[in-house]
């Protein structure tokens, strides 16, 4: 039996994504690109300001393995600083 069913509906999905922020939206997008049926569930309205990427307390790492990212990182930190 393929997929699962949401309670009370006859619709069936191969992939359920809970939370449609940056990572959840990406998971849903790539799931559909691979041809699976996807349902995405989001607690808040679209465009809300309560997501994990909505505040200014992000950890930024300077030790990228790809050397070309170091100048980009330095300019970004300088601009936000």
Protein backbone atom coordinates (compact mmCIF):
# COMPACT_ATOMS: atom_id res chain seq x y z
CA UNK A 1 0.00 0.00 0.00
CA UNK A 2 1.58 3.28 -1.12
CA UNK A 3 1.23 6.59 0.73
CA UNK A 4 -0.77 7.48 3.79
CA UNK A 5 -4.18 9.05 4.28
CA UNK A 6 -5.03 12.14 6.31
CA UNK A 7 -7.74 11.48 8.86
CA UNK A 8 -11.15 12.22 7.42
CA UNK A 9 -10.00 12.62 3.83
CA UNK A 10 -9.72 10.22 0.95
CA UNK A 11 -6.56 11.89 -0.35
CA UNK A 12 -3.34 9.90 -0.17
CA UNK A 13 0.19 11.29 -0.11
CA UNK A 14 3.65 9.81 -0.37
CA UNK A 15 5.30 12.56 1.67
CA UNK A 16 4.00 14.75 4.48
CA UNK A 17 5.99 17.84 5.43
CA UNK A 18 5.29 19.50 8.78
CA UNK A 19 6.37 23.14 8.77
CA UNK A 20 6.78 25.02 5.51
CA UNK A 21 9.64 27.33 6.39
CA UNK A 22 12.87 27.33 4.43
CA UNK A 23 13.71 23.66 4.93
CA UNK A 24 10.15 22.33 4.86
CA UNK A 25 9.37 24.18 1.65
CA UNK A 26 12.56 22.85 0.10
CA UNK A 27 11.63 19.29 1.12
CA UNK A 28 8.17 19.68 -0.40
CA UNK A 29 9.59 21.20 -3.58
CA UNK A 30 12.17 18.47 -4.12
CA UNK A 31 9.63 15.79 -3.28
CA UNK A 32 7.35 17.03 -6.05
CA UNK A 33 10.32 17.33 -8.42
CA UNK A 34 10.99 13.62 -7.81
CA UNK A 35 7.40 12.79 -8.70
CA UNK A 36 5.93 11.97 -5.29
CA UNK A 37 2.65 13.38 -4.04
CA UNK A 38 3.28 15.85 -1.22
CA UNK A 39 1.13 17.49 1.44
CA UNK A 40 2.57 20.36 3.45
CA UNK A 41 1.23 21.40 6.84
CA UNK A 42 1.95 24.83 8.33
CA UNK A 43 0.71 26.02 11.70
CA UNK A 44 0.70 29.74 10.91
CA UNK A 45 -0.49 31.88 7.98
CA UNK A 46 1.80 32.41 4.99
CA UNK A 47 4.37 35.14 5.50
CA UNK A 48 4.23 35.04 9.30
CA UNK A 49 7.15 36.33 11.38
CA UNK A 50 7.35 33.44 13.86
CA UNK A 51 9.71 31.18 11.94
CA UNK A 52 13.18 30.06 12.96
CA UNK A 53 14.84 32.25 10.33
CA UNK A 54 12.95 35.42 11.27
CA UNK A 55 15.15 36.83 14.01
CA UNK A 56 18.69 38.22 14.05
CA UNK A 57 20.29 35.60 16.29
CA UNK A 58 21.79 33.32 13.64
CA UNK A 59 25.05 31.47 14.11
CA UNK A 60 27.39 32.20 11.22
CA UNK A 61 30.43 29.99 10.72
CA UNK A 62 33.64 31.21 9.10
CA UNK A 63 35.20 27.80 8.52
CA UNK A 64 33.71 26.87 5.16
CA UNK A 65 35.48 24.12 3.27
CA UNK A 66 34.87 25.94 0.00
CA UNK A 67 37.39 28.76 -0.12
CA UNK A 68 35.30 30.88 -2.48
CA UNK A 69 32.68 31.39 0.22
CA UNK A 70 35.02 33.16 2.62
CA UNK A 71 34.91 36.58 0.88
CA UNK A 72 31.12 36.32 0.54
CA UNK A 73 30.81 35.50 4.23
CA UNK A 74 33.07 38.39 5.25
CA UNK A 75 31.07 40.92 3.25
CA UNK A 76 27.76 39.58 4.59
CA UNK A 77 28.88 39.83 8.20
CA UNK A 78 30.20 43.33 7.57
CA UNK A 79 26.86 44.42 6.00
CA UNK A 80 24.70 42.96 8.78
CA UNK A 81 27.13 43.68 11.62
